[in-house]
Amino acid sequence: MSSLNLSRFWERGKSIKAEPAIDNRRRLIKTAVRYGLWLVLAATANANRRHFGLTTTWLPHLLG
């Protein structure tokens, strides 16, 4: 088991942070995944709407 070096952690006023480029890349990946999920959800809703011949997917919810 390797030893974790926390010497910088104890220094006052300093924190251990990832590089800004890495944080930006992570944020972009999270955003892309979030938008991807919304696109899949919208495509599924549209496919169901076409399959069941509905003009809008809100009508069953408003009537039910």
N, C-alpha and C. Protein backbone atom coordinates (compact mmCIF):
# COMPACT_ATOMS: atom_id res chain seq x y z
N MET A 1 0.85 -1.17 0.00
CA MET A 1 0.00 0.00 0.00
C MET A 1 0.89 1.23 0.00
N SER A 2 0.58 2.18 -0.85
CA SER A 2 1.41 3.38 -0.94
C SER A 2 0.99 4.39 0.12
N SER A 3 1.93 5.21 0.49
CA SER A 3 1.67 6.24 1.49
C SER A 3 1.23 7.52 0.80
N LEU A 4 0.20 8.15 1.32
CA LEU A 4 -0.31 9.38 0.76
C LEU A 4 0.43 10.56 1.37
N ASN A 5 0.96 11.44 0.54
CA ASN A 5 1.72 12.58 1.02
C ASN A 5 0.76 13.75 1.25
N LEU A 6 0.55 14.10 2.52
CA LEU A 6 -0.35 15.19 2.87
C LEU A 6 0.40 16.40 3.41
N SER A 7 1.68 16.51 3.08
CA SER A 7 2.47 17.60 3.64
C SER A 7 1.92 18.97 3.22
N ARG A 8 1.45 19.10 1.98
CA ARG A 8 0.89 20.38 1.52
C ARG A 8 -0.48 20.63 2.13
N PHE A 9 -1.18 19.57 2.50
CA PHE A 9 -2.52 19.72 3.04
C PHE A 9 -2.51 20.51 4.35
N TRP A 10 -1.48 20.33 5.13
CA TRP A 10 -1.43 20.96 6.45
C TRP A 10 -0.93 22.40 6.40
N GLU A 11 -0.40 22.83 5.25
CA GLU A 11 0.07 24.21 5.15
C GLU A 11 -1.13 25.16 5.15
N ARG A 12 -1.03 26.19 5.96
CA ARG A 12 -2.15 27.11 6.12
C ARG A 12 -2.39 27.93 4.84
N GLY A 13 -3.65 28.01 4.44
CA GLY A 13 -4.02 28.83 3.30
C GLY A 13 -3.81 28.18 1.95
N LYS A 14 -3.37 26.95 1.92
CA LYS A 14 -3.15 26.27 0.64
C LYS A 14 -4.04 25.04 0.59
N SER A 15 -4.48 24.71 -0.58
CA SER A 15 -5.30 23.52 -0.74
C SER A 15 -4.78 22.71 -1.91
N ILE A 16 -5.09 21.45 -1.89
CA ILE A 16 -4.70 20.56 -2.98
C ILE A 16 -5.83 20.59 -4.00
N LYS A 17 -5.57 21.11 -5.18
CA LYS A 17 -6.58 21.22 -6.23
C LYS A 17 -6.03 20.65 -7.52
N ALA A 18 -6.95 20.22 -8.37
CA ALA A 18 -6.56 19.76 -9.69
C ALA A 18 -6.19 20.95 -10.56
N GLU A 19 -5.51 20.68 -11.63
CA GLU A 19 -5.15 21.73 -12.58
C GLU A 19 -6.42 22.33 -13.19
N PRO A 20 -6.42 23.62 -13.51
CA PRO A 20 -7.61 24.24 -14.11
C PRO A 20 -8.06 23.57 -15.40
N ALA A 21 -7.11 23.10 -16.20
CA ALA A 21 -7.47 22.45 -17.46
C ALA A 21 -8.22 21.15 -17.20
N ILE A 22 -7.84 20.43 -16.14
CA ILE A 22 -8.51 19.18 -15.79
C ILE A 22 -9.92 19.47 -15.30
N ASP A 23 -10.07 20.50 -14.46
CA ASP A 23 -11.40 20.88 -13.97
C ASP A 23 -12.31 21.28 -15.13
N ASN A 24 -11.77 22.03 -16.09
CA ASN A 24 -12.54 22.46 -17.25
C ASN A 24 -12.97 21.25 -18.08
N ARG A 25 -12.06 20.31 -18.27
CA ARG A 25 -12.37 19.10 -19.05
C ARG A 25 -13.46 18.29 -18.35
N ARG A 26 -13.37 18.16 -17.03
CA ARG A 26 -14.40 17.42 -16.29
C ARG A 26 -15.76 18.10 -16.42
N ARG A 27 -15.77 19.42 -16.34
CA ARG A 27 -17.02 20.16 -16.47
C ARG A 27 -17.62 19.97 -17.87
N LEU A 28 -16.78 19.99 -18.88
CA LEU A 28 -17.26 19.79 -20.25
C LEU A 28 -17.82 18.39 -20.44
N ILE A 29 -17.17 17.39 -19.85
CA ILE A 29 -17.65 16.02 -19.96
C ILE A 29 -19.00 15.88 -19.26
N LYS A 30 -19.11 16.44 -18.05
CA LYS A 30 -20.38 16.37 -17.33
C LYS A 30 -21.50 17.07 -18.10
N THR A 31 -21.19 18.22 -18.69
CA THR A 31 -22.19 18.95 -19.47
C THR A 31 -22.61 18.15 -20.70
N ALA A 32 -21.65 17.54 -21.37
CA ALA A 32 -21.95 16.74 -22.56
C ALA A 32 -22.83 15.54 -22.21
N VAL A 33 -22.54 14.89 -21.10
CA VAL A 33 -23.35 13.75 -20.67
C VAL A 33 -24.76 14.20 -20.32
N ARG A 34 -24.88 15.32 -19.62
CA ARG A 34 -26.20 15.84 -19.24
C ARG A 34 -27.04 16.17 -20.48
N TYR A 35 -26.45 16.87 -21.45
CA TYR A 35 -27.17 17.19 -22.68
C TYR A 35 -27.48 15.93 -23.48
N GLY A 36 -26.56 14.98 -23.48
CA GLY A 36 -26.80 13.71 -24.17
C GLY A 36 -28.00 12.97 -23.61
N LEU A 37 -28.11 12.93 -22.29
CA LEU A 37 -29.26 12.28 -21.66
C LEU A 37 -30.56 12.98 -22.02
N TRP A 38 -30.55 14.32 -22.03
CA TRP A 38 -31.75 15.06 -22.41
C TRP A 38 -32.13 14.79 -23.86
N LEU A 39 -31.14 14.68 -24.74
CA LEU A 39 -31.44 14.40 -26.15
C LEU A 39 -32.04 13.01 -26.32
N VAL A 40 -31.51 12.03 -25.59
CA VAL A 40 -32.06 10.67 -25.64
C VAL A 40 -33.49 10.67 -25.11
N LEU A 41 -33.73 11.39 -24.04
CA LEU A 41 -35.08 11.48 -23.47
C LEU A 41 -36.05 12.12 -24.46
N ALA A 42 -35.63 13.20 -25.10
CA ALA A 42 -36.49 13.88 -26.07
C ALA A 42 -36.75 12.99 -27.29
N ALA A 43 -35.74 12.27 -27.75
CA ALA A 43 -35.92 11.38 -28.90
C ALA A 43 -36.87 10.24 -28.56
N THR A 44 -36.77 9.70 -27.35
CA THR A 44 -37.68 8.63 -26.93
C THR A 44 -39.11 9.14 -26.83
N ALA A 45 -39.29 10.32 -26.26
CA ALA A 45 -40.63 10.90 -26.15
C ALA A 45 -41.22 11.15 -27.53
N ASN A 46 -40.41 11.63 -28.45
CA ASN A 46 -40.90 11.88 -29.81
C ASN A 46 -41.24 10.58 -30.52
N ALA A 47 -40.43 9.54 -30.33
CA ALA A 47 -40.73 8.24 -30.95
C ALA A 47 -42.02 7.66 -30.39
N ASN A 48 -42.23 7.78 -29.09
CA ASN A 48 -43.48 7.31 -28.49
C ASN A 48 -44.68 8.11 -28.99
N ARG A 49 -44.50 9.41 -29.15
CA ARG A 49 -45.57 10.26 -29.65
C ARG A 49 -45.97 9.84 -31.06
N ARG A 50 -44.98 9.59 -31.92
CA ARG A 50 -45.27 9.17 -33.29
C ARG A 50 -45.89 7.78 -33.32
N HIS A 51 -45.39 6.86 -32.48
CA HIS A 51 -45.88 5.49 -32.47
C HIS A 51 -47.36 5.43 -32.07
N PHE A 52 -47.74 6.20 -31.07
CA PHE A 52 -49.12 6.19 -30.59
C PHE A 52 -50.01 7.20 -31.30
N GLY A 53 -49.46 7.93 -32.27
CA GLY A 53 -50.25 8.85 -33.08
C GLY A 53 -50.78 10.05 -32.33
N LEU A 54 -50.02 10.55 -31.38
CA LEU A 54 -50.45 11.71 -30.61
C LEU A 54 -49.90 12.99 -31.24
N THR A 55 -50.70 14.04 -31.20
CA THR A 55 -50.20 15.32 -31.70
C THR A 55 -49.28 15.97 -30.67
N THR A 56 -49.56 15.69 -29.41
CA THR A 56 -48.72 16.22 -28.34
C THR A 56 -48.65 15.18 -27.22
N THR A 57 -47.57 15.14 -26.52
CA THR A 57 -47.44 14.18 -25.42
C THR A 57 -48.07 14.72 -24.14
N TRP A 58 -48.46 15.99 -24.13
CA TRP A 58 -49.05 16.58 -22.93
C TRP A 58 -50.54 16.27 -22.79
N LEU A 59 -51.20 15.96 -23.90
CA LEU A 59 -52.64 15.74 -23.86
C LEU A 59 -53.05 14.62 -22.89
N PRO A 60 -52.44 13.45 -22.92
CA PRO A 60 -52.83 12.40 -21.96
C PRO A 60 -52.61 12.82 -20.51
N HIS A 61 -51.59 13.59 -20.25
CA HIS A 61 -51.31 14.04 -18.89
C HIS A 61 -52.34 15.06 -18.42
N LEU A 62 -52.78 15.91 -19.34
CA LEU A 62 -53.77 16.92 -18.97
C LEU A 62 -55.15 16.31 -18.75
N LEU A 63 -55.47 15.26 -19.51
CA LEU A 63 -56.79 14.62 -19.38
C LEU A 63 -56.83 13.61 -18.25
N GLY A 64 -55.68 13.01 -17.93
CA GLY A 64 -55.65 11.91 -16.96
C GLY A 64 -55.55 12.36 -15.58
